[in-house]
């Protein structure tokens, strides 16, 4: 099954794809994006990483980021 530019699943058949577009336009169907799950995982990842780091290590990372930003 082909994947659209934002990760949505689309039918390979032209007629089926046209029917899907019509259903999307009328609101009969909503599109499911592949990246929704990835975003949820990414949102969890930052806080989990922050909890696992010590205060000293977080400070060190922030210092390195500031140096790179103002380089």
PDB file of N, CA and C in Angstrom:
ATOM      1  N   UNK A   1       0.844  -1.165   0.000  1.00  0.00           N
ATOM      2  CA  UNK A   1       0.000   0.000   0.000  1.00  0.00           C
ATOM      3  C   UNK A   1       0.895   1.235   0.000  1.00  0.00           C
ATOM      4  N   UNK A   2       0.697   2.153  -0.961  1.00  0.00           N
ATOM      5  CA  UNK A   2       1.512   3.366  -1.021  1.00  0.00           C
ATOM      6  C   UNK A   2       1.290   4.254   0.196  1.00  0.00           C
ATOM      7  N   UNK A   3       2.289   5.028   0.496  1.00  0.00           N
ATOM      8  CA  UNK A   3       2.223   5.930   1.648  1.00  0.00           C
ATOM      9  C   UNK A   3       2.297   7.366   1.126  1.00  0.00           C
ATOM     10  N   UNK A   4       1.427   8.229   1.625  1.00  0.00           N
ATOM     11  CA  UNK A   4       1.380   9.629   1.224  1.00  0.00           C
ATOM     12  C   UNK A   4       2.514  10.427   1.832  1.00  0.00           C
ATOM     13  N   UNK A   5       2.573  11.724   1.543  1.00  0.00           N
ATOM     14  CA  UNK A   5       3.681  12.550   2.008  1.00  0.00           C
ATOM     15  C   UNK A   5       3.770  12.694   3.524  1.00  0.00           C
ATOM     16  N   UNK A   6       2.658  12.565   4.223  1.00  0.00           N
ATOM     17  CA  UNK A   6       2.676  12.691   5.679  1.00  0.00           C
ATOM     18  C   UNK A   6       2.574  11.345   6.376  1.00  0.00           C
ATOM     19  N   UNK A   7       2.766  10.255   5.644  1.00  0.00           N
ATOM     20  CA  UNK A   7       2.726   8.937   6.243  1.00  0.00           C
ATOM     21  C   UNK A   7       1.373   8.271   6.199  1.00  0.00           C
ATOM     22  N   UNK A   8       0.388   8.891   5.539  1.00  0.00           N
ATOM     23  CA  UNK A   8      -0.924   8.282   5.484  1.00  0.00           C
ATOM     24  C   UNK A   8      -0.937   7.142   4.467  1.00  0.00           C
ATOM     25  N   UNK A   9      -1.760   6.136   4.733  1.00  0.00           N
ATOM     26  CA  UNK A   9      -1.840   4.988   3.843  1.00  0.00           C
ATOM     27  C   UNK A   9      -2.854   5.275   2.747  1.00  0.00           C
ATOM     28  N   UNK A  10      -2.476   5.016   1.509  1.00  0.00           N
ATOM     29  CA  UNK A  10      -3.330   5.257   0.358  1.00  0.00           C
ATOM     30  C   UNK A  10      -3.439   3.993  -0.490  1.00  0.00           C
ATOM     31  N   UNK A  11      -4.599   3.766  -1.122  1.00  0.00           N
ATOM     32  CA  UNK A  11      -4.736   2.613  -2.003  1.00  0.00           C
ATOM     33  C   UNK A  11      -3.919   2.796  -3.285  1.00  0.00           C
ATOM     34  N   UNK A  12      -3.415   1.691  -3.835  1.00  0.00           N
ATOM     35  CA  UNK A  12      -2.627   1.749  -5.064  1.00  0.00           C
ATOM     36  C   UNK A  12      -3.523   1.929  -6.280  1.00  0.00           C
ATOM     37  N   UNK A  13      -4.751   1.434  -6.219  1.00  0.00           N
ATOM     38  CA  UNK A  13      -5.695   1.527  -7.319  1.00  0.00           C
ATOM     39  C   UNK A  13      -6.209   2.962  -7.447  1.00  0.00           C
ATOM     40  N   UNK A  14      -6.232   3.495  -8.684  1.00  0.00           N
ATOM     41  CA  UNK A  14      -6.641   4.880  -8.909  1.00  0.00           C
ATOM     42  C   UNK A  14      -8.101   5.112  -8.527  1.00  0.00           C
ATOM     43  N   UNK A  15      -8.966   4.151  -8.831  1.00  0.00           N
ATOM     44  CA  UNK A  15     -10.388   4.317  -8.526  1.00  0.00           C
ATOM     45  C   UNK A  15     -10.614   4.272  -7.013  1.00  0.00           C
ATOM     46  N   UNK A  16      -9.959   3.342  -6.336  1.00  0.00           N
ATOM     47  CA  UNK A  16     -10.082   3.258  -4.881  1.00  0.00           C
ATOM     48  C   UNK A  16      -9.540   4.516  -4.217  1.00  0.00           C
ATOM     49  N   UNK A  17      -8.473   5.058  -4.779  1.00  0.00           N
ATOM     50  CA  UNK A  17      -7.895   6.284  -4.231  1.00  0.00           C
ATOM     51  C   UNK A  17      -8.863   7.453  -4.433  1.00  0.00           C
ATOM     52  N   UNK A  18      -9.510   7.519  -5.597  1.00  0.00           N
ATOM     53  CA  UNK A  18     -10.484   8.579  -5.860  1.00  0.00           C
ATOM     54  C   UNK A  18     -11.663   8.468  -4.894  1.00  0.00           C
ATOM     55  N   UNK A  19     -12.101   7.249  -4.621  1.00  0.00           N
ATOM     56  CA  UNK A  19     -13.197   7.056  -3.664  1.00  0.00           C
ATOM     57  C   UNK A  19     -12.782   7.505  -2.269  1.00  0.00           C
ATOM     58  N   UNK A  20     -11.545   7.204  -1.889  1.00  0.00           N
ATOM     59  CA  UNK A  20     -11.043   7.622  -0.575  1.00  0.00           C
ATOM     60  C   UNK A  20     -11.002   9.145  -0.469  1.00  0.00           C
ATOM     61  N   UNK A  21     -10.542   9.796  -1.526  1.00  0.00           N
ATOM     62  CA  UNK A  21     -10.473  11.258  -1.519  1.00  0.00           C
ATOM     63  C   UNK A  21     -11.870  11.850  -1.374  1.00  0.00           C
ATOM     64  N   UNK A  22     -12.845  11.254  -2.063  1.00  0.00           N
ATOM     65  CA  UNK A  22     -14.224  11.719  -1.937  1.00  0.00           C
ATOM     66  C   UNK A  22     -14.757  11.544  -0.535  1.00  0.00           C
ATOM     67  N   UNK A  23     -14.454  10.404   0.086  1.00  0.00           N
ATOM     68  CA  UNK A  23     -14.911  10.166   1.456  1.00  0.00           C
ATOM     69  C   UNK A  23     -14.236  11.117   2.442  1.00  0.00           C
ATOM     70  N   UNK A  24     -12.961  11.421   2.191  1.00  0.00           N
ATOM     71  CA  UNK A  24     -12.252  12.368   3.053  1.00  0.00           C
ATOM     72  C   UNK A  24     -12.856  13.762   2.919  1.00  0.00           C
ATOM     73  N   UNK A  25     -13.226  14.137   1.696  1.00  0.00           N
ATOM     74  CA  UNK A  25     -13.787  15.465   1.454  1.00  0.00           C
ATOM     75  C   UNK A  25     -15.151  15.627   2.121  1.00  0.00           C
ATOM     76  N   UNK A  26     -15.943  14.555   2.148  1.00  0.00           N
ATOM     77  CA  UNK A  26     -17.277  14.639   2.754  1.00  0.00           C
ATOM     78  C   UNK A  26     -17.250  14.402   4.258  1.00  0.00           C
ATOM     79  N   UNK A  27     -16.132  13.908   4.770  1.00  0.00           N
ATOM     80  CA  UNK A  27     -16.006  13.678   6.205  1.00  0.00           C
ATOM     81  C   UNK A  27     -16.461  12.303   6.655  1.00  0.00           C
ATOM     82  N   UNK A  28     -16.691  11.389   5.706  1.00  0.00           N
ATOM     83  CA  UNK A  28     -17.100  10.025   6.065  1.00  0.00           C
ATOM     84  C   UNK A  28     -15.960   9.239   6.700  1.00  0.00           C
ATOM     85  N   UNK A  29     -14.730   9.573   6.343  1.00  0.00           N
ATOM     86  CA  UNK A  29     -13.548   8.845   6.817  1.00  0.00           C
ATOM     87  C   UNK A  29     -12.534   9.864   7.322  1.00  0.00           C
ATOM     88  N   UNK A  30     -11.792   9.512   8.359  1.00  0.00           N
ATOM     89  CA  UNK A  30     -10.674  10.345   8.807  1.00  0.00           C
ATOM     90  C   UNK A  30      -9.384   9.592   8.549  1.00  0.00           C
ATOM     91  N   UNK A  31      -8.341  10.329   8.203  1.00  0.00           N
ATOM     92  CA  UNK A  31      -7.070   9.700   7.886  1.00  0.00           C
ATOM     93  C   UNK A  31      -6.278   9.390   9.138  1.00  0.00           C
ATOM     94  N   UNK A  32      -5.602   8.269   9.126  1.00  0.00           N
ATOM     95  CA  UNK A  32      -4.713   7.866  10.212  1.00  0.00           C
ATOM     96  C   UNK A  32      -3.281   8.102   9.747  1.00  0.00           C
ATOM     97  N   UNK A  33      -2.495   8.789  10.534  1.00  0.00           N
ATOM     98  CA  UNK A  33      -1.111   9.072  10.187  1.00  0.00           C
ATOM     99  C   UNK A  33      -0.187   8.121  10.929  1.00  0.00           C
ATOM    100  N   UNK A  34       0.878   7.725  10.251  1.00  0.00           N
ATOM    101  CA  UNK A  34       1.861   6.831  10.849  1.00  0.00           C
ATOM    102  C   UNK A  34       2.621   7.550  11.949  1.00  0.00           C
ATOM    103  N   UNK A  35       2.858   8.837  11.776  1.00  0.00           N
ATOM    104  CA  UNK A  35       3.709   9.574  12.702  1.00  0.00           C
ATOM    105  C   UNK A  35       3.038   9.892  14.038  1.00  0.00           C
ATOM    106  N   UNK A  36       1.746   9.615  14.204  1.00  0.00           N
ATOM    107  CA  UNK A  36       1.086   9.909  15.480  1.00  0.00           C
ATOM    108  C   UNK A  36       1.733   9.136  16.628  1.00  0.00           C
ATOM    109  N   UNK A  37       1.996   7.857  16.407  1.00  0.00           N
ATOM    110  CA  UNK A  37       2.626   7.039  17.445  1.00  0.00           C
ATOM    111  C   UNK A  37       4.044   7.472  17.727  1.00  0.00           C
ATOM    112  N   UNK A  38       4.743   7.883  16.690  1.00  0.00           N
ATOM    113  CA  UNK A  38       6.121   8.344  16.869  1.00  0.00           C
ATOM    114  C   UNK A  38       6.155   9.604  17.711  1.00  0.00           C
ATOM    115  N   UNK A  39       5.202  10.493  17.505  1.00  0.00           N
ATOM    116  CA  UNK A  39       5.172  11.733  18.271  1.00  0.00           C
ATOM    117  C   UNK A  39       4.917  11.443  19.748  1.00  0.00           C
ATOM    118  N   UNK A  40       3.986  10.515  20.017  1.00  0.00           N
ATOM    119  CA  UNK A  40       3.708  10.163  21.413  1.00  0.00           C
ATOM    120  C   UNK A  40       4.951   9.604  22.082  1.00  0.00           C
ATOM    121  N   UNK A  41       5.680   8.762  21.366  1.00  0.00           N
ATOM    122  CA  UNK A  41       6.910   8.202  21.913  1.00  0.00           C
ATOM    123  C   UNK A  41       7.955   9.267  22.150  1.00  0.00           C
ATOM    124  N   UNK A  42       8.039  10.222  21.237  1.00  0.00           N
ATOM    125  CA  UNK A  42       8.992  11.311  21.385  1.00  0.00           C
ATOM    126  C   UNK A  42       8.668  12.206  22.567  1.00  0.00           C
ATOM    127  N   UNK A  43       7.385  12.412  22.805  1.00  0.00           N
ATOM    128  CA  UNK A  43       6.974  13.241  23.924  1.00  0.00           C
ATOM    129  C   UNK A  43       7.339  12.567  25.253  1.00  0.00           C
ATOM    130  N   UNK A  44       7.259  11.254  25.299  1.00  0.00           N
ATOM    131  CA  UNK A  44       7.618  10.527  26.523  1.00  0.00           C
ATOM    132  C   UNK A  44       9.129  10.479  26.711  1.00  0.00           C
ATOM    133  N   UNK A  45       9.864  10.396  25.607  1.00  0.00           N
ATOM    134  CA  UNK A  45      11.305  10.181  25.654  1.00  0.00           C
ATOM    135  C   UNK A  45      12.078  11.272  26.368  1.00  0.00           C
ATOM    136  N   UNK A  46      11.711  12.531  26.135  1.00  0.00           N
ATOM    137  CA  UNK A  46      12.438  13.641  26.740  1.00  0.00           C
ATOM    138  C   UNK A  46      12.331  13.660  28.248  1.00  0.00           C
ATOM    139  N   UNK A  47      11.130  13.435  28.750  1.00  0.00           N
ATOM    140  CA  UNK A  47      10.962  13.446  30.204  1.00  0.00           C
ATOM    141  C   UNK A  47      11.617  12.227  30.839  1.00  0.00           C
ATOM    142  N   UNK A  48      11.553  11.083  30.161  1.00  0.00           N
ATOM    143  CA  UNK A  48      12.194   9.883  30.701  1.00  0.00           C
ATOM    144  C   UNK A  48      13.706  10.065  30.750  1.00  0.00           C
ATOM    145  N   UNK A  49      14.265  10.693  29.719  1.00  0.00           N
ATOM    146  CA  UNK A  49      15.709  10.924  29.698  1.00  0.00           C
ATOM    147  C   UNK A  49      16.098  11.912  30.787  1.00  0.00           C
ATOM    148  N   UNK A  50      15.303  12.957  30.982  1.00  0.00           N
ATOM    149  CA  UNK A  50      15.605  13.953  32.003  1.00  0.00           C
ATOM    150  C   UNK A  50      15.577  13.328  33.402  1.00  0.00           C
ATOM    151  N   UNK A  51      14.654  12.406  33.631  1.00  0.00           N
ATOM    152  CA  UNK A  51      14.589  11.748  34.932  1.00  0.00           C
ATOM    153  C   UNK A  51      15.796  10.854  35.173  1.00  0.00           C
ATOM    154  N   UNK A  52      16.316  10.253  34.102  1.00  0.00           N
ATOM    155  CA  UNK A  52      17.427   9.317  34.273  1.00  0.00           C
ATOM    156  C   UNK A  52      18.769  10.030  34.439  1.00  0.00           C
ATOM    157  N   UNK A  53      18.871  11.299  33.994  1.00  0.00           N
ATOM    158  CA  UNK A  53      20.129  12.034  34.109  1.00  0.00           C
ATOM    159  C   UNK A  53      20.252  12.696  35.475  1.00  0.00           C
ATOM    160  N   UNK A  54      21.485  12.819  35.922  1.00  0.00           N
ATOM    161  CA  UNK A  54      21.726  13.543  37.166  1.00  0.00           C
ATOM    162  C   UNK A  54      21.697  15.040  36.873  1.00  0.00           C
ATOM    163  N   UNK A  55      21.554  15.832  37.911  1.00  0.00           N
ATOM    164  CA  UNK A  55      21.524  17.284  37.746  1.00  0.00           C
ATOM    165  C   UNK A  55      22.842  17.787  37.155  1.00  0.00           C
ATOM    166  N   UNK A  56      23.933  17.182  37.565  1.00  0.00           N
ATOM    167  CA  UNK A  56      25.251  17.581  37.068  1.00  0.00           C
ATOM    168  C   UNK A  56      25.372  17.313  35.570  1.00  0.00           C
ATOM    169  N   UNK A  57      24.901  16.146  35.131  1.00  0.00           N
ATOM    170  CA  UNK A  57      24.977  15.783  33.712  1.00  0.00           C
ATOM    171  C   UNK A  57      24.053  16.680  32.862  1.00  0.00           C
ATOM    172  N   UNK A  58      22.874  16.999  33.376  1.00  0.00           N
ATOM    173  CA  UNK A  58      21.971  17.907  32.655  1.00  0.00           C
ATOM    174  C   UNK A  58      22.613  19.283  32.493  1.00  0.00           C
ATOM    175  N   UNK A  59      23.280  19.743  33.537  1.00  0.00           N
ATOM    176  CA  UNK A  59      23.960  21.031  33.493  1.00  0.00           C
ATOM    177  C   UNK A  59      25.088  21.010  32.465  1.00  0.00           C
ATOM    178  N   UNK A  60      25.815  19.905  32.416  1.00  0.00           N
ATOM    179  CA  UNK A  60      26.910  19.752  31.467  1.00  0.00           C
ATOM    180  C   UNK A  60      26.384  19.781  30.020  1.00  0.00           C
ATOM    181  N   UNK A  61      25.291  19.085  29.785  1.00  0.00           N
ATOM    182  CA  UNK A  61      24.688  19.059  28.446  1.00  0.00           C
ATOM    183  C   UNK A  61      24.228  20.464  28.051  1.00  0.00           C
ATOM    184  N   UNK A  62      23.640  21.191  28.996  1.00  0.00           N
ATOM    185  CA  UNK A  62      23.166  22.547  28.725  1.00  0.00           C
ATOM    186  C   UNK A  62      24.336  23.480  28.413  1.00  0.00           C
ATOM    187  N   UNK A  63      25.450  23.315  29.140  1.00  0.00           N
ATOM    188  CA  UNK A  63      26.629  24.133  28.876  1.00  0.00           C
ATOM    189  C   UNK A  63      27.166  23.885  27.466  1.00  0.00           C
ATOM    190  N   UNK A  64      27.239  22.612  27.080  1.00  0.00           N
ATOM    191  CA  UNK A  64      27.729  22.251  25.745  1.00  0.00           C
ATOM    192  C   UNK A  64      26.800  22.819  24.667  1.00  0.00           C
ATOM    193  N   UNK A  65      25.492  22.781  24.917  1.00  0.00           N
ATOM    194  CA  UNK A  65      24.525  23.307  23.956  1.00  0.00           C
ATOM    195  C   UNK A  65      24.691  24.823  23.815  1.00  0.00           C
ATOM    196  N   UNK A  66      24.906  25.511  24.924  1.00  0.00           N
ATOM    197  CA  UNK A  66      25.074  26.962  24.884  1.00  0.00           C
ATOM    198  C   UNK A  66      26.347  27.333  24.110  1.00  0.00           C
ATOM    199  N   UNK A  67      27.415  26.579  24.334  1.00  0.00           N
ATOM    200  CA  UNK A  67      28.670  26.831  23.594  1.00  0.00           C
ATOM    201  C   UNK A  67      28.456  26.644  22.103  1.00  0.00           C
ATOM    202  N   UNK A  68      27.754  25.562  21.729  1.00  0.00           N
ATOM    203  CA  UNK A  68      27.504  25.308  20.317  1.00  0.00           C
ATOM    204  C   UNK A  68      26.603  26.387  19.712  1.00  0.00           C
ATOM    205  N   UNK A  69      25.650  26.865  20.488  1.00  0.00           N
ATOM    206  CA  UNK A  69      24.720  27.879  19.997  1.00  0.00           C
ATOM    207  C   UNK A  69      25.434  29.208  19.744  1.00  0.00           C
ATOM    208  N   UNK A  70      26.354  29.571  20.633  1.00  0.00           N
ATOM    209  CA  UNK A  70      27.020  30.869  20.517  1.00  0.00           C
ATOM    210  C   UNK A  70      28.373  30.805  19.835  1.00  0.00           C
ATOM    211  N   UNK A  71      28.700  29.670  19.270  1.00  0.00           N
ATOM    212  CA  UNK A  71      29.979  29.491  18.586  1.00  0.00           C
ATOM    213  C   UNK A  71      30.088  30.387  17.380  1.00  0.00           C
TER     214      UNK A  71
END
